[in-house]
Amino acid sequence: MKFKEVVKESFVVVGYSAPGSWGEDFAYPIPGLWEKAKEFIATDQVDQIVGVCLPPRSDDYYYTCGMEMDSVAFRRMKKDLTAHLFPK
């Protein structure tokens, strides 16, 4: 797999999030988050889902999987969704 660094303007990821860990108490939420995020394709006609892993602290990390947006109206979000703003 080839990786490419991209510098983007600020954006918001709206989706499903969960903490994970690579430590002794192994918790790997990523596959389940992707399954839930697939709902966006069917219900919101989204053609691309993104996954973002926030930097780990020790063996712990925070992962969000969802759709990328320029902005979001928080009052219109579904109850179990999260929103994360990423600056440029």
PDB file of N, CA and C in Angstrom:
ATOM      1  N   MET A   1       0.847  -1.164   0.000  1.00  0.00           N
ATOM      2  CA  MET A   1       0.000   0.000   0.000  1.00  0.00           C
ATOM      3  C   MET A   1       0.899   1.236   0.000  1.00  0.00           C
ATOM      4  N   LYS A   2       0.629   2.157  -0.903  1.00  0.00           N
ATOM      5  CA  LYS A   2       1.380   3.401  -0.955  1.00  0.00           C
ATOM      6  C   LYS A   2       0.659   4.470  -0.155  1.00  0.00           C
ATOM      7  N   PHE A   3       1.420   5.244   0.594  1.00  0.00           N
ATOM      8  CA  PHE A   3       0.858   6.336   1.376  1.00  0.00           C
ATOM      9  C   PHE A   3       1.297   7.657   0.767  1.00  0.00           C
ATOM     10  N   LYS A   4       0.432   8.644   0.886  1.00  0.00           N
ATOM     11  CA  LYS A   4       0.719   9.958   0.343  1.00  0.00           C
ATOM     12  C   LYS A   4       0.319  11.001   1.379  1.00  0.00           C
ATOM     13  N   GLU A   5       1.236  11.902   1.715  1.00  0.00           N
ATOM     14  CA  GLU A   5       0.927  12.965   2.665  1.00  0.00           C
ATOM     15  C   GLU A   5       0.171  14.068   1.933  1.00  0.00           C
ATOM     16  N   VAL A   6      -0.934  14.502   2.528  1.00  0.00           N
ATOM     17  CA  VAL A   6      -1.766  15.548   1.937  1.00  0.00           C
ATOM     18  C   VAL A   6      -2.017  16.612   3.001  1.00  0.00           C
ATOM     19  N   VAL A   7      -1.781  17.869   2.665  1.00  0.00           N
ATOM     20  CA  VAL A   7      -2.106  18.974   3.561  1.00  0.00           C
ATOM     21  C   VAL A   7      -3.461  19.506   3.114  1.00  0.00           C
ATOM     22  N   LYS A   8      -4.419  19.467   4.014  1.00  0.00           N
ATOM     23  CA  LYS A   8      -5.792  19.833   3.685  1.00  0.00           C
ATOM     24  C   LYS A   8      -6.205  21.100   4.418  1.00  0.00           C
ATOM     25  N   GLU A   9      -7.213  21.741   3.898  1.00  0.00           N
ATOM     26  CA  GLU A   9      -7.853  22.832   4.619  1.00  0.00           C
ATOM     27  C   GLU A   9      -8.608  22.212   5.792  1.00  0.00           C
ATOM     28  N   SER A  10      -9.074  23.035   6.704  1.00  0.00           N
ATOM     29  CA  SER A  10      -9.786  22.483   7.855  1.00  0.00           C
ATOM     30  C   SER A  10     -11.051  21.757   7.392  1.00  0.00           C
ATOM     31  N   PHE A  11     -11.420  20.723   8.145  1.00  0.00           N
ATOM     32  CA  PHE A  11     -12.608  19.938   7.815  1.00  0.00           C
ATOM     33  C   PHE A  11     -13.145  19.280   9.077  1.00  0.00           C
ATOM     34  N   VAL A  12     -14.347  18.760   8.973  1.00  0.00           N
ATOM     35  CA  VAL A  12     -15.011  18.077  10.071  1.00  0.00           C
ATOM     36  C   VAL A  12     -15.275  16.636   9.642  1.00  0.00           C
ATOM     37  N   VAL A  13     -15.053  15.684  10.544  1.00  0.00           N
ATOM     38  CA  VAL A  13     -15.462  14.300  10.311  1.00  0.00           C
ATOM     39  C   VAL A  13     -16.628  14.023  11.247  1.00  0.00           C
ATOM     40  N   VAL A  14     -17.767  13.665  10.654  1.00  0.00           N
ATOM     41  CA  VAL A  14     -18.960  13.298  11.417  1.00  0.00           C
ATOM     42  C   VAL A  14     -19.120  11.802  11.262  1.00  0.00           C
ATOM     43  N   GLY A  15     -19.181  11.100  12.382  1.00  0.00           N
ATOM     44  CA  GLY A  15     -19.290   9.655  12.292  1.00  0.00           C
ATOM     45  C   GLY A  15     -19.394   9.007  13.651  1.00  0.00           C
ATOM     46  N   TYR A  16     -18.827   7.832  13.723  1.00  0.00           N
ATOM     47  CA  TYR A  16     -18.857   7.037  14.943  1.00  0.00           C
ATOM     48  C   TYR A  16     -17.442   6.950  15.494  1.00  0.00           C
ATOM     49  N   SER A  17     -17.302   7.056  16.802  1.00  0.00           N
ATOM     50  CA  SER A  17     -15.986   7.086  17.433  1.00  0.00           C
ATOM     51  C   SER A  17     -15.930   6.147  18.626  1.00  0.00           C
ATOM     52  N   ALA A  18     -14.719   5.710  18.922  1.00  0.00           N
ATOM     53  CA  ALA A  18     -14.517   4.863  20.099  1.00  0.00           C
ATOM     54  C   ALA A  18     -13.043   4.841  20.456  1.00  0.00           C
ATOM     55  N   PRO A  19     -12.739   4.672  21.745  1.00  0.00           N
ATOM     56  CA  PRO A  19     -11.349   4.498  22.148  1.00  0.00           C
ATOM     57  C   PRO A  19     -10.912   3.068  21.863  1.00  0.00           C
ATOM     58  N   GLY A  20      -9.631   2.907  21.633  1.00  0.00           N
ATOM     59  CA  GLY A  20      -9.083   1.573  21.423  1.00  0.00           C
ATOM     60  C   GLY A  20      -7.766   1.448  22.157  1.00  0.00           C
ATOM     61  N   SER A  21      -7.251   0.238  22.222  1.00  0.00           N
ATOM     62  CA  SER A  21      -6.004  -0.005  22.931  1.00  0.00           C
ATOM     63  C   SER A  21      -5.264  -1.173  22.302  1.00  0.00           C
ATOM     64  N   TRP A  22      -3.941  -1.062  22.270  1.00  0.00           N
ATOM     65  CA  TRP A  22      -3.094  -2.168  21.827  1.00  0.00           C
ATOM     66  C   TRP A  22      -2.452  -2.857  23.021  1.00  0.00           C
ATOM     67  N   GLY A  23      -2.815  -2.429  24.232  1.00  0.00           N
ATOM     68  CA  GLY A  23      -2.199  -2.955  25.446  1.00  0.00           C
ATOM     69  C   GLY A  23      -2.742  -4.318  25.830  1.00  0.00           C
ATOM     70  N   GLU A  24      -2.508  -4.676  27.082  1.00  0.00           N
ATOM     71  CA  GLU A  24      -2.934  -5.986  27.583  1.00  0.00           C
ATOM     72  C   GLU A  24      -4.441  -6.175  27.489  1.00  0.00           C
ATOM     73  N   ASP A  25      -5.203  -5.130  27.789  1.00  0.00           N
ATOM     74  CA  ASP A  25      -6.658  -5.195  27.652  1.00  0.00           C
ATOM     75  C   ASP A  25      -7.014  -4.794  26.232  1.00  0.00           C
ATOM     76  N   PHE A  26      -6.702  -5.645  25.290  1.00  0.00           N
ATOM     77  CA  PHE A  26      -6.840  -5.371  23.866  1.00  0.00           C
ATOM     78  C   PHE A  26      -8.277  -4.979  23.522  1.00  0.00           C
ATOM     79  N   ALA A  27      -8.444  -3.806  22.983  1.00  0.00           N
ATOM     80  CA  ALA A  27      -9.748  -3.333  22.505  1.00  0.00           C
ATOM     81  C   ALA A  27      -9.551  -2.793  21.101  1.00  0.00           C
ATOM     82  N   TYR A  28     -10.231  -3.367  20.127  1.00  0.00           N
ATOM     83  CA  TYR A  28     -10.050  -2.991  18.729  1.00  0.00           C
ATOM     84  C   TYR A  28     -11.416  -2.660  18.125  1.00  0.00           C
ATOM     85  N   PRO A  29     -11.864  -1.398  18.244  1.00  0.00           N
ATOM     86  CA  PRO A  29     -13.210  -1.036  17.814  1.00  0.00           C
ATOM     87  C   PRO A  29     -13.333  -0.732  16.327  1.00  0.00           C
ATOM     88  N   ILE A  30     -12.238  -0.671  15.590  1.00  0.00           N
ATOM     89  CA  ILE A  30     -12.257  -0.143  14.230  1.00  0.00           C
ATOM     90  C   ILE A  30     -13.196  -0.899  13.282  1.00  0.00           C
ATOM     91  N   PRO A  31     -13.169  -2.232  13.195  1.00  0.00           N
ATOM     92  CA  PRO A  31     -14.088  -2.910  12.266  1.00  0.00           C
ATOM     93  C   PRO A  31     -15.562  -2.607  12.545  1.00  0.00           C
ATOM     94  N   GLY A  32     -15.932  -2.543  13.815  1.00  0.00           N
ATOM     95  CA  GLY A  32     -17.320  -2.238  14.166  1.00  0.00           C
ATOM     96  C   GLY A  32     -17.715  -0.827  13.776  1.00  0.00           C
ATOM     97  N   LEU A  33     -16.778   0.119  13.903  1.00  0.00           N
ATOM     98  CA  LEU A  33     -17.066   1.499  13.506  1.00  0.00           C
ATOM     99  C   LEU A  33     -17.264   1.600  11.998  1.00  0.00           C
ATOM    100  N   TRP A  34     -16.470   0.864  11.227  1.00  0.00           N
ATOM    101  CA  TRP A  34     -16.634   0.876   9.771  1.00  0.00           C
ATOM    102  C   TRP A  34     -17.982   0.267   9.366  1.00  0.00           C
ATOM    103  N   GLU A  35     -18.397  -0.778  10.037  1.00  0.00           N
ATOM    104  CA  GLU A  35     -19.709  -1.378   9.742  1.00  0.00           C
ATOM    105  C   GLU A  35     -20.827  -0.372   9.982  1.00  0.00           C
ATOM    106  N   LYS A  36     -20.762   0.345  11.094  1.00  0.00           N
ATOM    107  CA  LYS A  36     -21.780   1.348  11.386  1.00  0.00           C
ATOM    108  C   LYS A  36     -21.728   2.494  10.376  1.00  0.00           C
ATOM    109  N   ALA A  37     -20.525   2.909   9.984  1.00  0.00           N
ATOM    110  CA  ALA A  37     -20.373   4.034   9.066  1.00  0.00           C
ATOM    111  C   ALA A  37     -20.868   3.706   7.662  1.00  0.00           C
ATOM    112  N   LYS A  38     -20.929   2.433   7.315  1.00  0.00           N
ATOM    113  CA  LYS A  38     -21.449   2.044   5.995  1.00  0.00           C
ATOM    114  C   LYS A  38     -22.897   2.495   5.815  1.00  0.00           C
ATOM    115  N   GLU A  39     -23.591   2.747   6.922  1.00  0.00           N
ATOM    116  CA  GLU A  39     -24.965   3.257   6.842  1.00  0.00           C
ATOM    117  C   GLU A  39     -25.022   4.577   6.085  1.00  0.00           C
ATOM    118  N   PHE A  40     -23.957   5.382   6.181  1.00  0.00           N
ATOM    119  CA  PHE A  40     -23.927   6.664   5.478  1.00  0.00           C
ATOM    120  C   PHE A  40     -24.085   6.481   3.978  1.00  0.00           C
ATOM    121  N   ILE A  41     -23.507   5.424   3.451  1.00  0.00           N
ATOM    122  CA  ILE A  41     -23.562   5.194   2.005  1.00  0.00           C
ATOM    123  C   ILE A  41     -25.003   4.996   1.560  1.00  0.00           C
ATOM    124  N   ALA A  42     -25.741   4.213   2.327  1.00  0.00           N
ATOM    125  CA  ALA A  42     -27.123   3.907   1.955  1.00  0.00           C
ATOM    126  C   ALA A  42     -28.088   5.042   2.278  1.00  0.00           C
ATOM    127  N   THR A  43     -27.987   5.624   3.469  1.00  0.00           N
ATOM    128  CA  THR A  43     -28.993   6.588   3.892  1.00  0.00           C
ATOM    129  C   THR A  43     -28.681   8.023   3.505  1.00  0.00           C
ATOM    130  N   ASP A  44     -27.407   8.397   3.469  1.00  0.00           N
ATOM    131  CA  ASP A  44     -27.049   9.783   3.187  1.00  0.00           C
ATOM    132  C   ASP A  44     -26.384   9.958   1.830  1.00  0.00           C
ATOM    133  N   GLN A  45     -26.336   8.894   1.051  1.00  0.00           N
ATOM    134  CA  GLN A  45     -25.743   8.924  -0.289  1.00  0.00           C
ATOM    135  C   GLN A  45     -24.323   9.494  -0.284  1.00  0.00           C
ATOM    136  N   VAL A  46     -23.540   9.071   0.691  1.00  0.00           N
ATOM    137  CA  VAL A  46     -22.143   9.459   0.797  1.00  0.00           C
ATOM    138  C   VAL A  46     -21.328   8.495  -0.041  1.00  0.00           C
ATOM    139  N   ASP A  47     -20.399   9.014  -0.833  1.00  0.00           N
ATOM    140  CA  ASP A  47     -19.618   8.127  -1.689  1.00  0.00           C
ATOM    141  C   ASP A  47     -18.241   7.795  -1.126  1.00  0.00           C
ATOM    142  N   GLN A  48     -17.882   8.417   0.006  1.00  0.00           N
ATOM    143  CA  GLN A  48     -16.577   8.131   0.599  1.00  0.00           C
ATOM    144  C   GLN A  48     -16.657   8.195   2.118  1.00  0.00           C
ATOM    145  N   ILE A  49     -16.101   7.194   2.766  1.00  0.00           N
ATOM    146  CA  ILE A  49     -16.008   7.151   4.220  1.00  0.00           C
ATOM    147  C   ILE A  49     -14.528   7.262   4.567  1.00  0.00           C
ATOM    148  N   VAL A  50     -14.226   8.044   5.598  1.00  0.00           N
ATOM    149  CA  VAL A  50     -12.835   8.202   6.024  1.00  0.00           C
ATOM    150  C   VAL A  50     -12.673   7.700   7.449  1.00  0.00           C
ATOM    151  N   GLY A  51     -11.486   7.252   7.753  1.00  0.00           N
ATOM    152  CA  GLY A  51     -11.150   6.849   9.109  1.00  0.00           C
ATOM    153  C   GLY A  51      -9.987   7.687   9.600  1.00  0.00           C
ATOM    154  N   VAL A  52     -10.083   8.166  10.849  1.00  0.00           N
ATOM    155  CA  VAL A  52      -9.036   8.999  11.427  1.00  0.00           C
ATOM    156  C   VAL A  52      -8.664   8.421  12.784  1.00  0.00           C
ATOM    157  N   CYS A  53      -7.381   8.151  12.957  1.00  0.00           N
ATOM    158  CA  CYS A  53      -6.887   7.672  14.235  1.00  0.00           C
ATOM    159  C   CYS A  53      -6.146   8.819  14.901  1.00  0.00           C
ATOM    160  N   LEU A  54      -6.685   9.274  16.031  1.00  0.00           N
ATOM    161  CA  LEU A  54      -6.021  10.347  16.759  1.00  0.00           C
ATOM    162  C   LEU A  54      -4.791   9.766  17.441  1.00  0.00           C
ATOM    163  N   PRO A  55      -3.734  10.547  17.538  1.00  0.00           N
ATOM    164  CA  PRO A  55      -2.456  10.021  18.016  1.00  0.00           C
ATOM    165  C   PRO A  55      -2.586   9.240  19.325  1.00  0.00           C
ATOM    166  N   PRO A  56      -1.915   8.111  19.351  1.00  0.00           N
ATOM    167  CA  PRO A  56      -1.985   7.296  20.567  1.00  0.00           C
ATOM    168  C   PRO A  56      -1.238   7.924  21.726  1.00  0.00           C
ATOM    169  N   ARG A  57      -1.700   7.551  22.870  1.00  0.00           N
ATOM    170  CA  ARG A  57      -1.008   7.908  24.102  1.00  0.00           C
ATOM    171  C   ARG A  57      -0.688   6.573  24.747  1.00  0.00           C
ATOM    172  N   SER A  58       0.567   6.216  24.736  1.00  0.00           N
ATOM    173  CA  SER A  58       0.965   4.892  25.186  1.00  0.00           C
ATOM    174  C   SER A  58       0.376   3.888  24.202  1.00  0.00           C
ATOM    175  N   ASP A  59      -0.428   2.951  24.669  1.00  0.00           N
ATOM    176  CA  ASP A  59      -1.053   1.969  23.782  1.00  0.00           C
ATOM    177  C   ASP A  59      -2.495   2.325  23.447  1.00  0.00           C
ATOM    178  N   ASP A  60      -2.956   3.476  23.874  1.00  0.00           N
ATOM    179  CA  ASP A  60      -4.354   3.863  23.669  1.00  0.00           C
ATOM    180  C   ASP A  60      -4.481   4.866  22.529  1.00  0.00           C
ATOM    181  N   TYR A  61      -5.596   4.813  21.825  1.00  0.00           N
ATOM    182  CA  TYR A  61      -5.870   5.739  20.731  1.00  0.00           C
ATOM    183  C   TYR A  61      -7.361   6.015  20.682  1.00  0.00           C
ATOM    184  N   TYR A  62      -7.753   6.945  19.827  1.00  0.00           N
ATOM    185  CA  TYR A  62      -9.161   7.281  19.629  1.00  0.00           C
ATOM    186  C   TYR A  62      -9.412   7.284  18.132  1.00  0.00           C
ATOM    187  N   TYR A  63     -10.391   6.516  17.684  1.00  0.00           N
ATOM    188  CA  TYR A  63     -10.633   6.339  16.253  1.00  0.00           C
ATOM    189  C   TYR A  63     -12.018   6.842  15.884  1.00  0.00           C
ATOM    190  N   THR A  64     -12.097   7.550  14.763  1.00  0.00           N
ATOM    191  CA  THR A  64     -13.365   8.035  14.233  1.00  0.00           C
ATOM    192  C   THR A  64     -13.492   7.592  12.789  1.00  0.00           C
ATOM    193  N   CYS A  65     -14.644   7.102  12.432  1.00  0.00           N
ATOM    194  CA  CYS A  65     -14.928   6.646  11.083  1.00  0.00           C
ATOM    195  C   CYS A  65     -16.234   7.296  10.637  1.00  0.00           C
ATOM    196  N   GLY A  66     -16.188   8.002   9.516  1.00  0.00           N
ATOM    197  CA  GLY A  66     -17.409   8.672   9.082  1.00  0.00           C
ATOM    198  C   GLY A  66     -17.223   9.435   7.793  1.00  0.00           C
ATOM    199  N   MET A  67     -18.006  10.493   7.647  1.00  0.00           N
ATOM    200  CA  MET A  67     -17.950  11.274   6.421  1.00  0.00           C
ATOM    201  C   MET A  67     -17.289  12.619   6.688  1.00  0.00           C
ATOM    202  N   GLU A  68     -16.539  13.063   5.701  1.00  0.00           N
ATOM    203  CA  GLU A  68     -15.847  14.337   5.785  1.00  0.00           C
ATOM    204  C   GLU A  68     -16.772  15.438   5.296  1.00  0.00           C
ATOM    205  N   MET A  69     -16.798  16.560   6.040  1.00  0.00           N
ATOM    206  CA  MET A  69     -17.655  17.682   5.678  1.00  0.00           C
ATOM    207  C   MET A  69     -16.877  18.982   5.865  1.00  0.00           C
ATOM    208  N   ASP A  70     -17.314  20.023   5.185  1.00  0.00           N
ATOM    209  CA  ASP A  70     -16.691  21.334   5.374  1.00  0.00           C
ATOM    210  C   ASP A  70     -17.162  21.971   6.676  1.00  0.00           C
ATOM    211  N   SER A  71     -18.413  21.718   7.038  1.00  0.00           N
ATOM    212  CA  SER A  71     -18.980  22.249   8.280  1.00  0.00           C
ATOM    213  C   SER A  71     -20.151  21.352   8.680  1.00  0.00           C
ATOM    214  N   VAL A  72     -20.680  21.580   9.881  1.00  0.00           N
ATOM    215  CA  VAL A  72     -21.768  20.737  10.368  1.00  0.00           C
ATOM    216  C   VAL A  72     -22.697  21.562  11.255  1.00  0.00           C
ATOM    217  N   ALA A  73     -23.981  21.277  11.165  1.00  0.00           N
ATOM    218  CA  ALA A  73     -24.966  21.877  12.066  1.00  0.00           C
ATOM    219  C   ALA A  73     -25.167  20.891  13.212  1.00  0.00           C
ATOM    220  N   PHE A  74     -24.531  21.150  14.349  1.00  0.00           N
ATOM    221  CA  PHE A  74     -24.530  20.199  15.455  1.00  0.00           C
ATOM    222  C   PHE A  74     -25.934  19.851  15.931  1.00  0.00           C
ATOM    223  N   ARG A  75     -26.837  20.794  15.913  1.00  0.00           N
ATOM    224  CA  ARG A  75     -28.198  20.544  16.402  1.00  0.00           C
ATOM    225  C   ARG A  75     -28.972  19.580  15.505  1.00  0.00           C
ATOM    226  N   ARG A  76     -28.468  19.314  14.299  1.00  0.00           N
ATOM    227  CA  ARG A  76     -29.160  18.410  13.378  1.00  0.00           C
ATOM    228  C   ARG A  76     -28.540  17.011  13.344  1.00  0.00           C
ATOM    229  N   MET A  77     -27.509  16.789  14.149  1.00  0.00           N
ATOM    230  CA  MET A  77     -26.838  15.487  14.142  1.00  0.00           C
ATOM    231  C   MET A  77     -27.650  14.443  14.892  1.00  0.00           C
ATOM    232  N   LYS A  78     -27.548  13.194  14.441  1.00  0.00           N
ATOM    233  CA  LYS A  78     -28.174  12.088  15.163  1.00  0.00           C
ATOM    234  C   LYS A  78     -27.505  11.929  16.521  1.00  0.00           C
ATOM    235  N   LYS A  79     -28.236  11.349  17.430  1.00  0.00           N
ATOM    236  CA  LYS A  79     -27.808  11.260  18.828  1.00  0.00           C
ATOM    237  C   LYS A  79     -26.463  10.550  19.028  1.00  0.00           C
ATOM    238  N   ASP A  80     -26.184   9.466  18.326  1.00  0.00           N
ATOM    239  CA  ASP A  80     -24.973   8.683  18.598  1.00  0.00           C
ATOM    240  C   ASP A  80     -23.774   9.061  17.726  1.00  0.00           C
ATOM    241  N   LEU A  81     -23.863  10.126  16.945  1.00  0.00           N
ATOM    242  CA  LEU A  81     -22.761  10.566  16.111  1.00  0.00           C
ATOM    243  C   LEU A  81     -21.827  11.502  16.869  1.00  0.00           C
ATOM    244  N   THR A  82     -20.564  11.535  16.432  1.00  0.00           N
ATOM    245  CA  THR A  82     -19.604  12.475  16.989  1.00  0.00           C
ATOM    246  C   THR A  82     -19.120  13.377  15.850  1.00  0.00           C
ATOM    247  N   ALA A  83     -18.583  14.515  16.198  1.00  0.00           N
ATOM    248  CA  ALA A  83     -18.029  15.446  15.212  1.00  0.00           C
ATOM    249  C   ALA A  83     -16.669  15.906  15.719  1.00  0.00           C
ATOM    250  N   HIS A  84     -15.687  15.885  14.835  1.00  0.00           N
ATOM    251  CA  HIS A  84     -14.345  16.302  15.192  1.00  0.00           C
ATOM    252  C   HIS A  84     -13.829  17.277  14.131  1.00  0.00           C
ATOM    253  N   LEU A  85     -13.388  18.445  14.575  1.00  0.00           N
ATOM    254  CA  LEU A  85     -12.829  19.451  13.680  1.00  0.00           C
ATOM    255  C   LEU A  85     -11.323  19.259  13.591  1.00  0.00           C
ATOM    256  N   PHE A  86     -10.825  19.217  12.369  1.00  0.00           N
ATOM    257  CA  PHE A  86      -9.393  19.092  12.134  1.00  0.00           C
ATOM    258  C   PHE A  86      -8.915  20.369  11.444  1.00  0.00           C
ATOM    259  N   PRO A  87      -8.020  21.112  12.086  1.00  0.00           N
ATOM    260  CA  PRO A  87      -7.517  22.341  11.462  1.00  0.00           C
ATOM    261  C   PRO A  87      -6.589  22.007  10.293  1.00  0.00           C
ATOM    262  N   LYS A  88      -6.262  23.006   9.511  1.00  0.00           N
ATOM    263  CA  LYS A  88      -5.373  22.813   8.365  1.00  0.00           C
ATOM    264  C   LYS A  88      -4.048  22.215   8.835  1.00  0.00           C
TER     265      LYS A  88
END
